[in-house]
PDB file of all heavy atoms in Angstrom:
ATOM      1  N   ALA A   1     -75.557 -18.296 -65.544  1.00  0.00           N
ATOM      2  CA  ALA A   1     -74.801 -18.242 -64.411  1.00  0.00           C
ATOM      3  C   ALA A   1     -74.362 -19.694 -63.959  1.00  0.00           C
ATOM      4  O   ALA A   1     -75.196 -20.550 -63.964  1.00  0.00           O
ATOM      5  CB  ALA A   1     -75.624 -17.581 -63.325  1.00  0.00           C
ATOM      6  N   LEU A   2     -73.164 -19.822 -63.595  1.00  0.00           N
ATOM      7  CA  LEU A   2     -72.560 -21.068 -63.129  1.00  0.00           C
ATOM      8  C   LEU A   2     -71.933 -20.859 -61.763  1.00  0.00           C
ATOM      9  O   LEU A   2     -70.903 -20.073 -61.621  1.00  0.00           O
ATOM     10  CB  LEU A   2     -71.574 -21.616 -64.089  1.00  0.00           C
ATOM     11  CG  LEU A   2     -70.955 -22.952 -63.744  1.00  0.00           C
ATOM     12  CD1 LEU A   2     -71.922 -24.122 -63.580  1.00  0.00           C
ATOM     13  CD2 LEU A   2     -69.841 -23.298 -64.761  1.00  0.00           C
ATOM     14  N   ILE A   3     -72.417 -21.466 -60.753  1.00  0.00           N
ATOM     15  CA  ILE A   3     -71.905 -21.194 -59.319  1.00  0.00           C
ATOM     16  C   ILE A   3     -70.814 -22.092 -59.125  1.00  0.00           C
ATOM     17  O   ILE A   3     -70.802 -23.395 -59.312  1.00  0.00           O
ATOM     18  CB  ILE A   3     -73.035 -21.469 -58.264  1.00  0.00           C
ATOM     19  CG1 ILE A   3     -74.181 -20.522 -58.418  1.00  0.00           C
ATOM     20  CG2 ILE A   3     -72.420 -21.362 -56.887  1.00  0.00           C
ATOM     21  CD1 ILE A   3     -75.377 -20.686 -57.554  1.00  0.00           C
ATOM     22  N   LYS A   4     -69.682 -21.630 -58.690  1.00  0.00           N
ATOM     23  CA  LYS A   4     -68.427 -22.402 -58.462  1.00  0.00           C
ATOM     24  C   LYS A   4     -67.949 -22.125 -57.077  1.00  0.00           C
ATOM     25  O   LYS A   4     -68.121 -21.008 -56.418  1.00  0.00           O
ATOM     26  CB  LYS A   4     -67.426 -22.174 -59.514  1.00  0.00           C
ATOM     27  CG  LYS A   4     -67.893 -22.389 -60.967  1.00  0.00           C
ATOM     28  CD  LYS A   4     -66.894 -22.193 -61.961  1.00  0.00           C
ATOM     29  CE  LYS A   4     -66.071 -23.438 -62.163  1.00  0.00           C
ATOM     30  NZ  LYS A   4     -65.133 -23.565 -63.375  1.00  0.00           N
ATOM     31  N   PRO A   5     -67.071 -22.933 -56.539  1.00  0.00           N
ATOM     32  CA  PRO A   5     -66.463 -22.729 -55.268  1.00  0.00           C
ATOM     33  C   PRO A   5     -65.454 -21.537 -55.283  1.00  0.00           C
ATOM     34  O   PRO A   5     -64.935 -21.278 -56.369  1.00  0.00           O
ATOM     35  CB  PRO A   5     -65.799 -24.122 -54.759  1.00  0.00           C
ATOM     36  CG  PRO A   5     -65.524 -24.773 -56.169  1.00  0.00           C
ATOM     37  CD  PRO A   5     -66.677 -24.295 -57.050  1.00  0.00           C
ATOM     38  N   ALA A   6     -65.081 -21.049 -54.168  1.00  0.00           N
ATOM     39  CA  ALA A   6     -64.137 -19.929 -54.070  1.00  0.00           C
ATOM     40  C   ALA A   6     -62.709 -20.485 -54.132  1.00  0.00           C
ATOM     41  O   ALA A   6     -61.906 -20.316 -53.039  1.00  0.00           O
ATOM     42  CB  ALA A   6     -64.404 -19.100 -52.845  1.00  0.00           C
ATOM     43  N   VAL A   7     -62.293 -20.950 -55.217  1.00  0.00           N
ATOM     44  CA  VAL A   7     -60.934 -21.346 -55.488  1.00  0.00           C
ATOM     45  C   VAL A   7     -60.293 -20.670 -56.697  1.00  0.00           C
ATOM     46  O   VAL A   7     -61.040 -20.121 -57.525  1.00  0.00           O
ATOM     47  CB  VAL A   7     -60.828 -22.899 -55.682  1.00  0.00           C
ATOM     48  CG1 VAL A   7     -61.358 -23.711 -54.400  1.00  0.00           C
ATOM     49  CG2 VAL A   7     -61.573 -23.288 -56.881  1.00  0.00           C
ATOM     50  N   PHE A   8     -59.056 -20.557 -56.676  1.00  0.00           N
ATOM     51  CA  PHE A   8     -58.288 -19.813 -57.728  1.00  0.00           C
ATOM     52  C   PHE A   8     -58.480 -20.580 -59.006  1.00  0.00           C
ATOM     53  O   PHE A   8     -58.305 -21.752 -59.183  1.00  0.00           O
ATOM     54  CB  PHE A   8     -56.845 -19.653 -57.393  1.00  0.00           C
ATOM     55  CG  PHE A   8     -56.061 -19.022 -58.480  1.00  0.00           C
ATOM     56  CD1 PHE A   8     -56.018 -17.575 -58.546  1.00  0.00           C
ATOM     57  CD2 PHE A   8     -55.373 -19.682 -59.401  1.00  0.00           C
ATOM     58  CE1 PHE A   8     -55.362 -16.879 -59.501  1.00  0.00           C
ATOM     59  CE2 PHE A   8     -54.689 -19.113 -60.427  1.00  0.00           C
ATOM     60  CZ  PHE A   8     -54.605 -17.616 -60.399  1.00  0.00           C
ATOM     61  N   GLU A   9     -58.896 -19.727 -60.047  1.00  0.00           N
ATOM     62  CA  GLU A   9     -58.772 -20.357 -61.358  1.00  0.00           C
ATOM     63  C   GLU A   9     -58.112 -19.293 -62.224  1.00  0.00           C
ATOM     64  O   GLU A   9     -58.479 -17.986 -62.239  1.00  0.00           O
ATOM     65  CB  GLU A   9     -60.266 -20.498 -61.819  1.00  0.00           C
ATOM     66  CG  GLU A   9     -60.972 -21.775 -61.302  1.00  0.00           C
ATOM     67  CD  GLU A   9     -62.127 -22.131 -62.052  1.00  0.00           C
ATOM     68  OE1 GLU A   9     -62.196 -22.119 -63.352  1.00  0.00           O
ATOM     69  OE2 GLU A   9     -63.180 -22.516 -61.391  1.00  0.00           O
ATOM     70  N   GLN A  10     -57.243 -19.696 -63.203  1.00  0.00           N
ATOM     71  CA  GLN A  10     -56.469 -18.639 -63.900  1.00  0.00           C
ATOM     72  C   GLN A  10     -57.334 -17.925 -64.691  1.00  0.00           C
ATOM     73  O   GLN A  10     -57.012 -16.715 -65.033  1.00  0.00           O
ATOM     74  CB  GLN A  10     -55.409 -19.439 -64.755  1.00  0.00           C
ATOM     75  CG  GLN A  10     -54.501 -18.641 -65.519  1.00  0.00           C
ATOM     76  CD  GLN A  10     -53.604 -17.855 -64.503  1.00  0.00           C
ATOM     77  OE1 GLN A  10     -52.963 -18.440 -63.689  1.00  0.00           O
ATOM     78  NE2 GLN A  10     -53.431 -16.555 -64.808  1.00  0.00           N
ATOM     79  N   LYS A  11     -58.405 -18.438 -65.401  1.00  0.00           N
ATOM     80  CA  LYS A  11     -59.209 -17.699 -66.309  1.00  0.00           C
ATOM     81  C   LYS A  11     -59.991 -16.605 -65.536  1.00  0.00           C
ATOM     82  O   LYS A  11     -60.263 -15.560 -66.124  1.00  0.00           O
ATOM     83  CB  LYS A  11     -60.243 -18.491 -67.093  1.00  0.00           C
ATOM     84  CG  LYS A  11     -61.257 -19.244 -66.160  1.00  0.00           C
ATOM     85  CD  LYS A  11     -62.188 -20.242 -67.036  1.00  0.00           C
ATOM     86  CE  LYS A  11     -63.205 -20.873 -66.141  1.00  0.00           C
ATOM     87  NZ  LYS A  11     -64.023 -21.774 -66.945  1.00  0.00           N
ATOM     88  N   HIS A  12     -60.320 -16.800 -64.296  1.00  0.00           N
ATOM     89  CA  HIS A  12     -61.008 -15.689 -63.498  1.00  0.00           C
ATOM     90  C   HIS A  12     -59.954 -14.634 -63.186  1.00  0.00           C
ATOM     91  O   HIS A  12     -60.247 -13.457 -63.383  1.00  0.00           O
ATOM     92  CB  HIS A  12     -61.515 -16.321 -62.115  1.00  0.00           C
ATOM     93  CG  HIS A  12     -62.453 -17.352 -62.121  1.00  0.00           C
ATOM     94  ND1 HIS A  12     -62.955 -18.026 -61.148  1.00  0.00           N
ATOM     95  CD2 HIS A  12     -63.172 -17.780 -63.280  1.00  0.00           C
ATOM     96  CE1 HIS A  12     -63.858 -18.849 -61.497  1.00  0.00           C
ATOM     97  NE2 HIS A  12     -64.067 -18.781 -62.860  1.00  0.00           N
ATOM     98  N   PHE A  13     -58.777 -15.091 -62.946  1.00  0.00           N
ATOM     99  CA  PHE A  13     -57.723 -14.082 -62.554  1.00  0.00           C
ATOM    100  C   PHE A  13     -57.344 -13.254 -63.819  1.00  0.00           C
ATOM    101  O   PHE A  13     -57.210 -12.022 -63.637  1.00  0.00           O
ATOM    102  CB  PHE A  13     -56.430 -14.746 -61.966  1.00  0.00           C
ATOM    103  CG  PHE A  13     -55.366 -13.778 -61.568  1.00  0.00           C
ATOM    104  CD1 PHE A  13     -55.577 -12.849 -60.630  1.00  0.00           C
ATOM    105  CD2 PHE A  13     -54.165 -13.871 -62.261  1.00  0.00           C
ATOM    106  CE1 PHE A  13     -54.575 -12.086 -60.249  1.00  0.00           C
ATOM    107  CE2 PHE A  13     -53.037 -12.987 -61.837  1.00  0.00           C
ATOM    108  CZ  PHE A  13     -53.277 -12.110 -60.871  1.00  0.00           C
ATOM    109  N   ASP A  14     -57.237 -13.821 -64.884  1.00  0.00           N
ATOM    110  CA  ASP A  14     -56.983 -13.138 -66.141  1.00  0.00           C
ATOM    111  C   ASP A  14     -58.092 -12.037 -66.486  1.00  0.00           C
ATOM    112  O   ASP A  14     -57.682 -10.927 -66.836  1.00  0.00           O
ATOM    113  CB  ASP A  14     -56.838 -14.126 -67.372  1.00  0.00           C
ATOM    114  CG  ASP A  14     -55.551 -15.106 -67.266  1.00  0.00           C
ATOM    115  OD1 ASP A  14     -54.705 -14.726 -66.506  1.00  0.00           O
ATOM    116  OD2 ASP A  14     -55.639 -16.041 -67.974  1.00  0.00           O
ATOM    117  N   LEU A  15     -59.278 -12.443 -66.257  1.00  0.00           N
ATOM    118  CA  LEU A  15     -60.452 -11.483 -66.440  1.00  0.00           C
ATOM    119  C   LEU A  15     -60.343 -10.353 -65.372  1.00  0.00           C
ATOM    120  O   LEU A  15     -60.576  -9.176 -65.769  1.00  0.00           O
ATOM    121  CB  LEU A  15     -61.750 -12.255 -66.307  1.00  0.00           C
ATOM    122  CG  LEU A  15     -62.982 -11.409 -66.650  1.00  0.00           C
ATOM    123  CD1 LEU A  15     -62.866 -10.848 -67.985  1.00  0.00           C
ATOM    124  CD2 LEU A  15     -64.195 -12.322 -66.394  1.00  0.00           C
ATOM    125  N   TYR A  16     -60.019 -10.742 -64.123  1.00  0.00           N
ATOM    126  CA  TYR A  16     -59.882  -9.688 -63.169  1.00  0.00           C
ATOM    127  C   TYR A  16     -58.734  -8.701 -63.465  1.00  0.00           C
ATOM    128  O   TYR A  16     -59.049  -7.495 -63.269  1.00  0.00           O
ATOM    129  CB  TYR A  16     -59.568 -10.424 -61.785  1.00  0.00           C
ATOM    130  CG  TYR A  16     -59.209  -9.563 -60.616  1.00  0.00           C
ATOM    131  CD1 TYR A  16     -60.309  -9.058 -59.976  1.00  0.00           C
ATOM    132  CD2 TYR A  16     -57.960  -9.217 -60.292  1.00  0.00           C
ATOM    133  CE1 TYR A  16     -60.109  -8.299 -58.721  1.00  0.00           C
ATOM    134  CE2 TYR A  16     -57.645  -8.454 -59.130  1.00  0.00           C
ATOM    135  CZ  TYR A  16     -58.703  -7.968 -58.406  1.00  0.00           C
ATOM    136  OH  TYR A  16     -58.421  -7.167 -57.254  1.00  0.00           O
ATOM    137  N   GLN A  17     -57.637  -9.167 -63.978  1.00  0.00           N
ATOM    138  CA  GLN A  17     -56.581  -8.293 -64.410  1.00  0.00           C
ATOM    139  C   GLN A  17     -56.997  -7.399 -65.526  1.00  0.00           C
ATOM    140  O   GLN A  17     -56.740  -6.093 -65.664  1.00  0.00           O
ATOM    141  CB  GLN A  17     -55.384  -9.045 -64.706  1.00  0.00           C
ATOM    142  CG  GLN A  17     -54.592  -9.679 -63.581  1.00  0.00           C
ATOM    143  CD  GLN A  17     -53.276 -10.253 -63.897  1.00  0.00           C
ATOM    144  OE1 GLN A  17     -53.304 -11.107 -64.822  1.00  0.00           O
ATOM    145  NE2 GLN A  17     -52.245  -9.909 -63.259  1.00  0.00           N
ATOM    146  N   LEU A  18     -57.759  -7.933 -66.507  1.00  0.00           N
ATOM    147  CA  LEU A  18     -58.176  -7.173 -67.701  1.00  0.00           C
ATOM    148  C   LEU A  18     -59.141  -6.109 -67.208  1.00  0.00           C
ATOM    149  O   LEU A  18     -59.061  -4.974 -67.608  1.00  0.00           O
ATOM    150  CB  LEU A  18     -58.993  -8.119 -68.655  1.00  0.00           C
ATOM    151  CG  LEU A  18     -59.597  -7.492 -69.843  1.00  0.00           C
ATOM    152  CD1 LEU A  18     -58.518  -6.883 -70.782  1.00  0.00           C
ATOM    153  CD2 LEU A  18     -60.325  -8.525 -70.642  1.00  0.00           C
ATOM    154  N   TYR A  19     -60.038  -6.489 -66.333  1.00  0.00           N
ATOM    155  CA  TYR A  19     -60.968  -5.475 -65.816  1.00  0.00           C
ATOM    156  C   TYR A  19     -60.281  -4.288 -65.003  1.00  0.00           C
ATOM    157  O   TYR A  19     -60.595  -3.131 -65.195  1.00  0.00           O
ATOM    158  CB  TYR A  19     -61.906  -6.195 -64.804  1.00  0.00           C
ATOM    159  CG  TYR A  19     -62.881  -5.365 -64.082  1.00  0.00           C
ATOM    160  CD1 TYR A  19     -64.030  -4.779 -64.748  1.00  0.00           C
ATOM    161  CD2 TYR A  19     -62.743  -5.004 -62.721  1.00  0.00           C
ATOM    162  CE1 TYR A  19     -64.966  -3.975 -64.099  1.00  0.00           C
ATOM    163  CE2 TYR A  19     -63.624  -4.033 -62.043  1.00  0.00           C
ATOM    164  CZ  TYR A  19     -64.716  -3.668 -62.733  1.00  0.00           C
ATOM    165  OH  TYR A  19     -65.508  -2.805 -61.979  1.00  0.00           O
ATOM    166  N   GLN A  20     -59.392  -4.709 -63.995  1.00  0.00           N
ATOM    167  CA  GLN A  20     -58.670  -3.660 -63.330  1.00  0.00           C
ATOM    168  C   GLN A  20     -57.821  -2.746 -64.237  1.00  0.00           C
ATOM    169  O   GLN A  20     -57.826  -1.524 -63.990  1.00  0.00           O
ATOM    170  CB  GLN A  20     -57.778  -4.347 -62.265  1.00  0.00           C
ATOM    171  CG  GLN A  20     -58.470  -5.166 -61.211  1.00  0.00           C
ATOM    172  CD  GLN A  20     -59.326  -4.252 -60.379  1.00  0.00           C
ATOM    173  OE1 GLN A  20     -59.207  -3.124 -60.282  1.00  0.00           O
ATOM    174  NE2 GLN A  20     -60.295  -4.956 -59.694  1.00  0.00           N
ATOM    175  N   GLN A  21     -57.176  -3.286 -65.281  1.00  0.00           N
ATOM    176  CA  GLN A  21     -56.303  -2.453 -66.082  1.00  0.00           C
ATOM    177  C   GLN A  21     -57.299  -1.568 -67.017  1.00  0.00           C
ATOM    178  O   GLN A  21     -56.798  -0.457 -67.392  1.00  0.00           O
ATOM    179  CB  GLN A  21     -55.444  -3.302 -66.814  1.00  0.00           C
ATOM    180  CG  GLN A  21     -54.334  -4.130 -66.086  1.00  0.00           C
ATOM    181  CD  GLN A  21     -53.757  -5.229 -66.764  1.00  0.00           C
ATOM    182  OE1 GLN A  21     -53.916  -5.527 -67.885  1.00  0.00           O
ATOM    183  NE2 GLN A  21     -52.990  -5.937 -66.033  1.00  0.00           N
ATOM    184  N   SER A  22     -58.445  -2.052 -67.271  1.00  0.00           N
ATOM    185  CA  SER A  22     -59.379  -1.257 -68.108  1.00  0.00           C
ATOM    186  C   SER A  22     -60.012  -0.122 -67.233  1.00  0.00           C
ATOM    187  O   SER A  22     -60.165   0.974 -67.760  1.00  0.00           O
ATOM    188  CB  SER A  22     -60.435  -2.127 -68.749  1.00  0.00           C
ATOM    189  OG  SER A  22     -61.409  -1.330 -69.425  1.00  0.00           O
ATOM    190  N   ARG A  23     -60.622  -0.541 -66.096  1.00  0.00           N
ATOM    191  CA  ARG A  23     -61.443   0.322 -65.275  1.00  0.00           C
ATOM    192  C   ARG A  23     -60.645   1.117 -64.294  1.00  0.00           C
ATOM    193  O   ARG A  23     -61.025   2.312 -63.828  1.00  0.00           O
ATOM    194  CB  ARG A  23     -62.515  -0.450 -64.535  1.00  0.00           C
ATOM    195  CG  ARG A  23     -63.523  -1.056 -65.649  1.00  0.00           C
ATOM    196  CD  ARG A  23     -64.166   0.126 -66.398  1.00  0.00           C
ATOM    197  NE  ARG A  23     -65.316  -0.340 -67.331  1.00  0.00           N
ATOM    198  CZ  ARG A  23     -66.528  -0.277 -67.051  1.00  0.00           C
ATOM    199  NH1 ARG A  23     -66.978   0.182 -65.942  1.00  0.00           N
ATOM    200  NH2 ARG A  23     -67.430  -0.711 -67.929  1.00  0.00           N
ATOM    201  N   HIS A  24     -59.639   0.562 -63.576  1.00  0.00           N
ATOM    202  CA  HIS A  24     -58.895   1.138 -62.481  1.00  0.00           C
ATOM    203  C   HIS A  24     -57.404   1.070 -62.687  1.00  0.00           C
ATOM    204  O   HIS A  24     -56.719   0.581 -61.947  1.00  0.00           O
ATOM    205  CB  HIS A  24     -59.367   0.531 -61.242  1.00  0.00           C
ATOM    206  CG  HIS A  24     -60.763   0.333 -61.020  1.00  0.00           C
ATOM    207  ND1 HIS A  24     -61.657   1.535 -60.888  1.00  0.00           N
ATOM    208  CD2 HIS A  24     -61.689  -0.688 -61.070  1.00  0.00           C
ATOM    209  CE1 HIS A  24     -62.924   1.154 -60.726  1.00  0.00           C
ATOM    210  NE2 HIS A  24     -62.892  -0.180 -60.788  1.00  0.00           N
TER     211      HIS A  24
END
């Protein structure tokens, strides 16, 4: 686990989109 601040990162957003398109 790596704790990071709540700022936009493209790799996070790409994973978020992948998750949403797969699960929801």
